[in-house]
Amino acid sequence: MIETVLADSGKAWAAGDADGAFVILNEAYNRTLNARVGIRLAGLLHDCGHPDKALGVIAAIVVREPGNGFALAEYARILREKRLAADPEHRADIAAFKATVAAAWAALEADPMFLPSQFWRGIGDKHERMLTTQGLGNFKRTVGHNYQNWLLIDPADAQVARLAAIWGAKRYPQVALNTLELPDNAGFIWERHVPIYPLTDETARSVYAFAVGTLWEYVLENDHHGFLRDVAEETLGNPIALRRQGKLISQDHAHSARELNLLFDQLRLGRQDGFTILELGAGQGRLAEMLGKATNFRHFIVDIPPTIGVSQWYVSKLFGDDAVFKFRPFNDWREIEAELAGKRFAFFTPNQTRLFPAKSVDITINICSLMEMTPGQIAYFLGRIPEITRRAFYSRQWKNWQNPVDGNIVLKPDFAVPGWRPTYDRDDDVHPELFAQIWEPAAGA
C-alpha cells in the first residue's frame, strides 16, 4: 500500500503533475499518518514553494516519532534551503554561476560539434537544480558525488568489493577508529520526487566510511610524493566530515593523490618543474587544487556547463581571482596570450581547444569522461591532444562503457592516441572496471 502510494505520487511528480502527486500523498498521509508518506509530502510542498507548510508536516512527525532520523534530516534540509534562498551571498554566487553557465552554453551552441551528449545534458539539468537550491557552498555533498566522490554505499559495488579485499589483506586498524558525522538531507538528491540524501541511511553511511577510510589508508602507504601529507581537505564546499585522527579525509583527495603519484612516478616529475597541465573534464577542480597547493604547475581546465561554473568558483575561492583566467569567449589565442601568461589557472570550453597553439601544454589529463562524450568528440580530442601536448597524456577510463542515453558503446581500444604509444597500461588498482594509461609521443612524432 505505502509503496504504491510512493510510486504513484513519484510518477506524477516526475511528470510535472504536482497537483496529482499532492492529492495522492495528502490523502494517504491523512489516512495513515505514515512517516515516509509525510516526509515525501513535505518534500513536495517545499518543492512547490511552501516550505513553512512542509516544516509543519515534518514537525508533527517528529513529535510522534522523536527518533525518526529521516524526518529530522528532511526538516534540516528544508530549513537550510529556506534560509539559503534569502542569503544575499548565495544569490550573488548563483547569479555569477548562471552567467558563466549561460556564456559557456552560448559558446558551445556557436560550435555545435562540442555540445554535450544527451547523457550529460540530463545530468547537467539535475546538477543545476541541486546547485541552485542547495548552493555552491554545499557542492561536495551534491554534484561532487557525480565527479569523483562516489557514493560508495553498496557492498556489491565493484569498487567497494575491491576495497573490502584490500582491507582484508591489510586490516588497517585506523579504518575502525575514523569518525563520520550524521548528515542531514541537504545533499545528493537525484530525483526531486525522492528527496532523500543516501548518506542519511545508517547502513549506507557505514559502508561509505569503511570504503573511503580503506581507500585513504591504501593511498597513504603508497603516497611516495607526500600529497596527502601536504594537502589538507578544504572545508569549502562542505565535505562530509569523515575524520582520521581529527583530520578531514576524503575520496577526492585520496584519488587525486593516487593519480598524481602514478603520473609523477612514471614521468619522473618534480614538484617544481613548472609544467602546464591541461585537464579535460575536471569536476570541481580537485587535481587543480592538489597541484596548485603542492607544486608550481599551471593548470588549464576545459569543461562543459554547468561543471565549468563549479570548478571556476571553487578554484577562484581557493587561490584568489588574481590567479585565475576566467572563461570568456575569444577568437584568437593572441587575444588572451599576455593576460594568460600571468595566471596559474585558466578555464575554457571544449570548442576553444581549436584555438590552442601547437605544443602549448606539457601534459593532458582525462579522468573518466572521454567515454561520456559523443563519438565525434572522442575522435576529435584523441586527434587534438597530440597536437597541443608536448609530453604525455594520462587517461583513466572505463574498459567497457555503454552510454545509457545516447546508446553508443566505447571500448578500451577506442581510446588509442594516433601516432603516440602507451608507456603505461594497467587495470586500475582500486576500481576493477577501469584502466589507466599514459601515452607519449612515438619516436619521431
Protein backbone atom coordinates (compact mmCIF):
# COMPACT_ATOMS: atom_id res chain seq x y z
CA MET A 1 0.00 0.00 0.00
CA ILE A 2 2.62 2.59 1.07
CA GLU A 3 4.97 1.54 -1.71
CA THR A 4 2.17 2.02 -4.23
CA VAL A 5 1.42 5.49 -2.86
CA LEU A 6 5.07 6.49 -3.10
CA ALA A 7 5.44 5.04 -6.60
CA ASP A 8 2.24 6.62 -7.98
CA SER A 9 2.93 10.02 -6.46
CA GLY A 10 6.52 9.84 -7.69
CA LYS A 11 5.40 9.20 -11.25
CA ALA A 12 3.01 12.14 -11.12
CA TRP A 13 5.60 14.43 -9.56
CA ALA A 14 8.30 13.43 -12.07
CA ALA A 15 5.85 14.06 -14.92
CA GLY A 16 5.22 17.60 -13.69
CA ASP A 17 1.80 16.87 -12.20
CA ALA A 18 2.44 18.30 -8.73
CA ASP A 19 -1.29 18.66 -8.03
CA GLY A 20 -1.88 14.98 -8.77
CA ALA A 21 1.05 13.97 -6.58
CA PHE A 22 -0.27 16.16 -3.77
CA VAL A 23 -3.72 14.56 -3.89
CA ILE A 24 -2.21 11.06 -3.66
CA LEU A 25 0.19 11.89 -0.84
CA ASN A 26 -2.15 14.11 1.16
CA GLU A 27 -4.99 11.57 1.11
CA ALA A 28 -2.68 8.71 2.11
CA TYR A 29 -0.97 10.71 4.86
CA ASN A 30 -4.23 11.92 6.42
CA ARG A 31 -5.49 8.35 6.43
CA THR A 32 -2.35 6.57 7.69
CA LEU A 33 -0.07 9.19 9.29
CA ASN A 34 2.76 7.15 7.79
CA ALA A 35 6.08 8.94 8.29
CA ARG A 36 7.51 8.01 4.89
CA VAL A 37 4.43 9.39 3.15
CA GLY A 38 4.56 12.51 5.31
CA ILE A 39 8.21 13.15 4.53
CA ARG A 40 7.51 12.78 0.82
CA LEU A 41 4.51 15.12 1.14
CA ALA A 42 6.70 17.68 2.89
CA GLY A 43 9.27 17.42 0.13
CA LEU A 44 6.58 18.11 -2.47
CA LEU A 45 5.23 21.10 -0.55
CA HIS A 46 8.73 22.55 -0.26
CA ASP A 47 9.43 21.92 -3.95
CA CYS A 48 6.24 23.79 -4.83
CA GLY A 49 7.26 26.85 -2.80
CA HIS A 50 5.58 26.14 0.56
CA PRO A 51 8.49 25.49 2.97
CA ASP A 52 6.57 26.54 6.09
CA LYS A 53 3.78 24.05 5.40
CA ALA A 54 6.42 21.40 4.73
CA LEU A 55 8.13 22.12 8.04
CA GLY A 56 4.77 21.85 9.80
CA VAL A 57 4.15 18.37 8.35
CA ILE A 58 7.56 17.13 9.45
CA ALA A 59 7.31 18.74 12.88
CA ALA A 60 4.18 16.68 13.52
CA ILE A 61 6.05 13.51 12.52
CA VAL A 62 8.94 14.32 14.87
CA VAL A 63 6.52 14.90 17.77
CA ARG A 64 5.01 11.46 17.18
CA GLU A 65 8.33 9.77 16.39
CA PRO A 66 11.18 11.66 18.11
CA GLY A 67 13.75 9.14 16.91
CA ASN A 68 12.87 9.35 13.22
CA GLY A 69 16.22 10.36 11.75
CA PHE A 70 14.86 10.65 8.22
CA ALA A 71 12.26 13.20 9.36
CA LEU A 72 14.86 15.28 11.19
CA ALA A 73 17.19 15.10 8.22
CA GLU A 74 14.47 16.38 5.88
CA TYR A 75 13.45 19.10 8.37
CA ALA A 76 17.06 20.33 8.38
CA ARG A 77 17.27 20.31 4.56
CA ILE A 78 14.12 22.36 4.11
CA LEU A 79 15.19 24.79 6.82
CA ARG A 80 18.64 25.19 5.23
CA GLU A 81 17.23 25.75 1.75
CA LYS A 82 14.68 28.27 3.04
CA ARG A 83 17.41 30.29 4.76
CA LEU A 84 19.77 29.97 1.80
CA ALA A 85 17.17 31.38 -0.60
CA ALA A 86 17.20 34.61 1.41
CA ASP A 87 21.01 34.81 1.72
CA PRO A 88 22.50 37.70 -0.36
CA GLU A 89 25.87 35.93 -0.74
CA HIS A 90 24.18 32.81 -2.10
CA ARG A 91 22.16 34.91 -4.54
CA ALA A 92 25.29 36.66 -5.77
CA ASP A 93 27.19 33.37 -6.15
CA ILE A 94 24.34 31.77 -8.09
CA ALA A 95 23.92 34.83 -10.32
CA ALA A 96 27.63 34.76 -11.24
CA PHE A 97 27.48 30.97 -11.69
CA LYS A 98 24.47 31.21 -14.01
CA ALA A 99 26.17 33.93 -16.04
CA THR A 100 29.21 31.69 -16.55
CA VAL A 101 26.98 28.74 -17.47
CA ALA A 102 24.96 30.81 -19.94
CA ALA A 103 28.11 32.15 -21.62
CA ALA A 104 29.55 28.64 -21.86
CA TRP A 105 26.34 27.32 -23.43
CA ALA A 106 26.40 30.17 -25.96
CA ALA A 107 29.99 29.31 -26.91
CA LEU A 108 29.11 25.65 -27.47
CA GLU A 109 25.94 26.42 -29.40
CA ALA A 110 28.03 28.51 -31.79
CA ASP A 111 30.15 25.40 -32.46
CA PRO A 112 27.59 22.56 -32.14
CA MET A 113 30.10 19.72 -32.56
CA PHE A 114 31.04 20.36 -28.93
CA LEU A 115 27.55 20.37 -27.42
CA PRO A 116 27.36 17.83 -24.59
CA SER A 117 25.90 14.40 -25.17
CA GLN A 118 22.27 13.88 -24.16
CA PHE A 119 23.63 11.80 -21.29
CA TRP A 120 25.44 14.81 -19.83
CA ARG A 121 22.66 17.26 -20.61
CA GLY A 122 20.36 15.25 -18.37
CA ILE A 123 22.95 15.14 -15.59
CA GLY A 124 23.66 18.84 -16.03
CA ASP A 125 19.99 19.75 -15.51
CA LYS A 126 19.95 17.85 -12.22
CA HIS A 127 23.23 19.46 -11.18
CA GLU A 128 21.91 22.96 -11.83
CA ARG A 129 18.85 22.22 -9.70
CA MET A 130 20.93 20.97 -6.77
CA LEU A 131 23.39 23.86 -7.00
CA THR A 132 20.63 26.46 -7.21
CA THR A 133 18.63 25.11 -4.27
CA GLN A 134 21.50 23.97 -2.02
CA GLY A 135 24.24 26.37 -3.04
CA LEU A 136 27.74 26.17 -4.46
CA GLY A 137 28.94 26.04 -0.87
CA ASN A 138 27.39 22.58 -0.48
CA PHE A 139 28.61 21.08 -3.77
CA LYS A 140 30.77 18.35 -2.19
CA ARG A 141 27.56 16.74 -0.90
CA THR A 142 25.60 17.25 -4.12
CA VAL A 143 27.22 17.31 -7.56
CA GLY A 144 30.55 16.12 -6.14
CA HIS A 145 29.05 12.64 -5.90
CA ASN A 146 28.92 12.62 -9.72
CA TYR A 147 32.56 13.67 -10.01
CA GLN A 148 34.98 11.51 -8.02
CA ASN A 149 33.41 11.38 -4.56
CA TRP A 150 31.34 8.37 -5.49
CA LEU A 151 28.51 7.23 -3.24
CA LEU A 152 30.20 4.03 -2.13
CA ILE A 153 27.22 2.66 -0.21
CA ASP A 154 26.53 -0.75 -1.75
CA PRO A 155 28.69 -3.71 -0.62
CA ALA A 156 28.10 -5.29 -4.05
CA ASP A 157 29.63 -2.30 -5.85
CA ALA A 158 32.80 -3.38 -7.68
CA GLN A 159 34.91 -0.66 -6.10
CA VAL A 160 33.58 -1.36 -2.59
CA ALA A 161 34.28 -5.07 -3.05
CA ARG A 162 37.83 -4.32 -4.17
CA LEU A 163 38.41 -2.04 -1.18
CA ALA A 164 37.00 -4.72 1.12
CA ALA A 165 39.53 -7.18 -0.34
CA ILE A 166 42.32 -4.65 0.25
CA TRP A 167 41.21 -4.19 3.85
CA GLY A 168 41.01 -7.96 4.31
CA ALA A 169 44.64 -8.27 3.24
CA LYS A 170 45.90 -5.25 5.19
CA ARG A 171 43.42 -4.92 8.06
CA TYR A 172 44.10 -1.23 8.55
CA PRO A 173 43.11 -0.58 12.20
CA GLN A 174 42.58 3.13 11.63
CA VAL A 175 39.53 2.49 9.45
CA ALA A 176 37.59 1.32 12.51
CA LEU A 177 38.68 4.37 14.51
CA ASN A 178 37.63 7.03 11.99
CA THR A 179 34.52 9.08 12.75
CA LEU A 180 31.79 10.16 10.34
CA GLU A 181 29.21 12.86 11.00
CA LEU A 182 25.47 12.25 10.85
CA PRO A 183 24.46 14.40 7.85
CA ASP A 184 21.09 15.97 7.19
CA ASN A 185 19.17 15.66 3.95
CA ALA A 186 20.91 18.60 2.27
CA GLY A 187 22.88 16.53 -0.20
CA PHE A 188 22.74 14.50 -3.39
CA ILE A 189 19.06 14.36 -4.34
CA TRP A 190 18.97 12.84 -7.80
CA GLU A 191 15.21 12.91 -8.31
CA ARG A 192 13.08 15.73 -6.96
CA HIS A 193 10.34 13.27 -6.07
CA VAL A 194 12.71 11.23 -3.86
CA PRO A 195 14.19 13.95 -1.62
CA ILE A 196 16.46 11.71 0.43
CA TYR A 197 20.24 12.02 0.67
CA PRO A 198 21.54 8.41 0.65
CA LEU A 199 24.09 9.05 3.42
CA THR A 200 21.31 9.72 5.94
CA ASP A 201 20.83 5.93 5.99
CA GLU A 202 22.90 4.32 8.74
CA THR A 203 23.93 1.23 6.77
CA ALA A 204 24.86 3.25 3.69
CA ARG A 205 26.87 5.61 5.87
CA SER A 206 28.79 2.73 7.44
CA VAL A 207 29.72 1.27 4.04
CA TYR A 208 30.80 4.70 2.82
CA ALA A 209 33.01 5.34 5.87
CA PHE A 210 34.61 1.91 5.54
CA ALA A 211 35.28 2.26 1.81
CA VAL A 212 36.67 5.80 1.94
CA GLY A 213 38.70 5.04 5.07
CA THR A 214 40.25 1.98 3.43
CA LEU A 215 40.98 3.94 0.24
CA TRP A 216 42.75 6.61 2.30
CA GLU A 217 44.98 4.11 4.14
CA TYR A 218 45.84 2.32 0.90
CA VAL A 219 46.82 5.53 -0.85
CA LEU A 220 48.64 6.84 2.21
CA GLU A 221 51.01 3.88 2.35
CA ASN A 222 51.82 4.39 -1.34
CA ASP A 223 51.99 8.20 -1.27
CA HIS A 224 55.66 8.44 -2.27
CA HIS A 225 55.38 12.12 -3.15
CA GLY A 226 53.61 13.18 0.05
CA PHE A 227 50.48 14.70 -1.47
CA LEU A 228 48.18 13.51 1.34
CA ARG A 229 50.72 14.67 3.91
CA ASP A 230 50.99 18.17 2.49
CA VAL A 231 47.48 18.99 1.23
CA ALA A 232 44.54 19.04 3.66
CA GLU A 233 40.90 18.60 2.66
CA GLU A 234 39.21 22.01 2.40
CA THR A 235 36.00 22.74 4.31
CA LEU A 236 34.97 24.91 1.33
CA GLY A 237 32.22 23.01 -0.45
CA ASN A 238 31.06 21.40 2.82
CA PRO A 239 32.51 17.88 2.52
CA ILE A 240 31.08 15.03 4.53
CA ALA A 241 33.07 15.18 7.75
CA LEU A 242 34.93 11.87 7.81
CA ARG A 243 37.84 12.31 10.20
CA ARG A 244 41.06 10.38 10.70
CA GLN A 245 42.72 11.30 13.97
CA GLY A 246 40.81 14.57 13.88
CA LYS A 247 41.83 15.42 10.29
CA LEU A 248 39.29 15.62 7.47
CA ILE A 249 39.86 12.96 4.82
CA SER A 250 38.05 12.46 1.53
CA GLN A 251 37.70 10.30 -1.52
CA ASP A 252 38.56 13.33 -3.67
CA HIS A 253 41.96 13.81 -2.06
CA ALA A 254 42.73 10.10 -1.97
CA HIS A 255 42.03 9.63 -5.68
CA SER A 256 43.92 12.81 -6.58
CA ALA A 257 46.99 11.68 -4.64
CA ARG A 258 46.75 8.22 -6.20
CA GLU A 259 46.60 9.63 -9.72
CA LEU A 260 49.39 12.14 -9.17
CA ASN A 261 51.72 9.58 -7.58
CA LEU A 262 51.30 7.41 -10.67
CA LEU A 263 51.90 10.34 -13.01
CA PHE A 264 54.93 11.64 -11.09
CA ASP A 265 56.47 8.15 -10.82
CA GLN A 266 56.01 7.20 -14.47
CA LEU A 267 57.09 10.54 -15.95
CA ARG A 268 59.71 11.27 -13.27
CA LEU A 269 58.17 14.63 -12.48
CA GLY A 270 59.28 17.02 -9.76
CA ARG A 271 57.07 19.42 -7.85
CA GLN A 272 58.99 22.48 -9.06
CA ASP A 273 59.18 21.51 -12.75
CA GLY A 274 56.78 24.29 -13.72
CA PHE A 275 54.74 22.22 -16.18
CA THR A 276 51.43 23.28 -17.68
CA ILE A 277 48.62 20.74 -17.25
CA LEU A 278 45.52 20.62 -19.45
CA GLU A 279 42.64 18.71 -17.89
CA LEU A 280 39.61 17.73 -19.97
CA GLY A 281 36.65 17.41 -17.63
CA ALA A 282 37.89 18.38 -14.17
CA GLY A 283 34.83 18.00 -11.95
CA GLN A 284 35.22 20.50 -9.14
CA GLY A 285 38.91 21.01 -9.90
CA ARG A 286 40.32 18.56 -7.35
CA LEU A 287 43.55 17.91 -9.31
CA ALA A 288 44.00 21.64 -9.87
CA GLU A 289 43.61 22.10 -6.12
CA MET A 290 46.21 19.49 -5.17
CA LEU A 291 48.71 20.52 -7.84
CA GLY A 292 48.09 24.18 -7.05
CA LYS A 293 48.96 23.66 -3.39
CA ALA A 294 51.79 21.14 -3.74
CA THR A 295 53.60 22.24 -6.93
CA ASN A 296 54.40 25.27 -9.06
CA PHE A 297 52.48 23.82 -12.03
CA ARG A 298 49.92 25.75 -14.07
CA HIS A 299 46.52 24.16 -14.66
CA PHE A 300 44.16 24.72 -17.60
CA ILE A 301 40.65 23.27 -17.28
CA VAL A 302 38.44 22.50 -20.28
CA ASP A 303 34.86 21.67 -19.35
CA ILE A 304 31.18 21.94 -20.21
CA PRO A 305 28.40 23.76 -18.36
CA PRO A 306 27.39 23.65 -15.59
CA THR A 307 30.57 21.94 -14.32
CA ILE A 308 32.84 24.72 -15.56
CA GLY A 309 30.90 27.08 -13.29
CA VAL A 310 31.56 24.88 -10.26
CA SER A 311 35.29 24.41 -10.82
CA GLN A 312 35.85 28.07 -11.69
CA TRP A 313 34.05 29.12 -8.49
CA TYR A 314 35.98 26.62 -6.36
CA VAL A 315 39.46 27.31 -7.74
CA SER A 316 38.88 31.07 -7.60
CA LYS A 317 37.81 30.82 -3.95
CA LEU A 318 40.86 28.71 -3.09
CA PHE A 319 43.56 30.65 -4.92
CA GLY A 320 42.02 34.10 -5.47
CA ASP A 321 40.69 35.80 -8.58
CA ASP A 322 44.10 37.22 -9.46
CA ALA A 323 45.45 33.70 -10.08
CA VAL A 324 42.62 32.72 -12.42
CA PHE A 325 41.91 33.39 -16.10
CA LYS A 326 38.14 33.00 -16.06
CA PHE A 327 36.21 31.64 -19.01
CA ARG A 328 35.30 34.10 -21.72
CA PRO A 329 34.82 33.88 -25.49
CA PHE A 330 37.74 34.81 -27.75
CA ASN A 331 38.55 34.30 -31.42
CA ASP A 332 42.34 34.11 -31.46
CA TRP A 333 44.88 32.88 -28.90
CA ARG A 334 46.81 36.13 -29.30
CA GLU A 335 43.86 38.00 -27.76
CA ILE A 336 44.46 36.32 -24.40
CA GLU A 337 48.13 35.30 -24.51
CA ALA A 338 49.56 38.18 -22.49
CA GLU A 339 46.90 38.00 -19.79
CA LEU A 340 47.06 34.20 -19.62
CA ALA A 341 50.83 34.29 -19.09
CA GLY A 342 50.31 35.79 -15.62
CA LYS A 343 47.75 33.23 -14.44
CA ARG A 344 48.21 29.82 -12.77
CA PHE A 345 44.73 28.59 -13.61
CA ALA A 346 42.55 29.04 -16.68
CA PHE A 347 39.11 27.91 -17.80
CA PHE A 348 37.96 27.09 -21.33
CA THR A 349 35.05 25.40 -23.06
CA PRO A 350 35.83 22.41 -25.35
CA ASN A 351 35.40 24.37 -28.58
CA GLN A 352 38.21 26.72 -27.52
CA THR A 353 40.74 23.90 -27.79
CA ARG A 354 40.58 24.57 -31.55
CA LEU A 355 42.47 27.80 -30.77
CA PHE A 356 45.24 26.32 -28.59
CA PRO A 357 48.69 26.72 -30.22
CA ALA A 358 50.69 23.61 -31.12
CA LYS A 359 52.50 22.05 -28.15
CA SER A 360 51.13 24.68 -25.76
CA VAL A 361 50.73 22.34 -22.76
CA ASP A 362 53.04 19.74 -21.26
CA ILE A 363 50.62 17.07 -20.02
CA THR A 364 46.95 16.44 -20.78
CA ILE A 365 44.75 14.54 -18.33
CA ASN A 366 41.31 13.00 -18.67
CA ILE A 367 39.73 11.04 -15.83
CA CYS A 368 36.61 9.06 -16.69
CA SER A 369 34.85 11.44 -19.03
CA LEU A 370 36.07 10.84 -22.58
CA MET A 371 33.71 7.89 -22.86
CA GLU A 372 30.75 10.10 -21.92
CA MET A 373 31.29 12.31 -24.97
CA THR A 374 29.81 11.77 -28.41
CA PRO A 375 31.83 9.56 -30.81
CA GLY A 376 32.76 12.64 -32.87
CA GLN A 377 34.06 14.45 -29.78
CA ILE A 378 36.12 11.43 -28.68
CA ALA A 379 37.74 11.23 -32.10
CA TYR A 380 38.40 14.97 -32.13
CA PHE A 381 40.14 15.04 -28.74
CA LEU A 382 42.23 11.92 -29.38
CA GLY A 383 43.48 13.65 -32.53
CA ARG A 384 43.86 17.07 -30.96
CA ILE A 385 45.69 16.01 -27.79
CA PRO A 386 48.96 15.06 -29.54
CA GLU A 387 48.86 18.31 -31.50
CA ILE A 388 48.74 20.57 -28.44
CA THR A 389 50.59 18.38 -25.90
CA ARG A 390 54.37 18.16 -25.60
CA ARG A 391 54.99 15.40 -23.10
CA ALA A 392 52.21 12.93 -22.23
CA PHE A 393 48.51 12.13 -22.00
CA TYR A 394 47.25 10.48 -18.80
CA SER A 395 43.96 8.66 -19.34
CA ARG A 396 41.79 6.75 -16.87
CA GLN A 397 38.63 5.27 -18.37
CA TRP A 398 36.03 2.51 -18.19
CA LYS A 399 37.01 -0.68 -20.00
CA ASN A 400 33.53 -1.08 -21.43
CA TRP A 401 31.11 1.83 -21.45
CA GLN A 402 27.60 1.84 -22.86
CA ASN A 403 26.05 5.28 -22.85
CA PRO A 404 22.58 4.62 -21.37
CA VAL A 405 21.01 7.66 -23.07
CA ASP A 406 22.83 8.20 -26.38
CA GLY A 407 23.32 4.45 -26.93
CA ASN A 408 26.94 4.46 -28.15
CA ILE A 409 29.40 1.86 -26.82
CA VAL A 410 33.04 2.68 -26.13
CA LEU A 411 35.70 0.01 -25.51
CA LYS A 412 39.31 0.27 -24.37
CA PRO A 413 40.81 0.18 -27.91
CA ASP A 414 38.72 3.24 -28.78
CA PHE A 415 40.96 5.41 -26.56
CA ALA A 416 44.16 4.92 -28.57
CA VAL A 417 46.04 8.13 -29.37
CA PRO A 418 47.11 8.28 -33.05
CA GLY A 419 50.87 8.46 -33.53
CA TRP A 420 51.63 8.01 -29.81
CA ARG A 421 52.47 4.90 -27.80
CA PRO A 422 51.26 3.71 -24.38
CA THR A 423 54.18 3.70 -21.93
CA TYR A 424 51.90 2.66 -19.06
CA ASP A 425 48.85 0.44 -19.45
CA ARG A 426 47.29 -1.36 -16.47
CA ASP A 427 43.96 -2.10 -14.85
CA ASP A 428 43.11 0.37 -12.12
CA ASP A 429 44.27 -0.95 -8.76
CA VAL A 430 41.16 0.23 -6.87
CA HIS A 431 38.34 0.17 -9.41
CA PRO A 432 38.39 -3.13 -11.36
CA GLU A 433 36.16 -1.78 -14.14
CA LEU A 434 38.64 0.98 -15.04
CA PHE A 435 42.06 1.06 -16.67
CA ALA A 436 44.82 3.66 -16.61
CA GLN A 437 47.16 4.57 -19.45
CA ILE A 438 49.93 7.07 -20.11
CA TRP A 439 50.56 7.88 -23.76
CA GLU A 440 53.75 9.55 -25.01
CA PRO A 441 54.92 10.60 -28.46
CA ALA A 442 56.31 7.75 -30.55
CA ALA A 443 59.85 8.13 -31.82
CA GLY A 444 59.92 10.90 -34.39
CA ALA A 445 56.44 12.14 -33.54
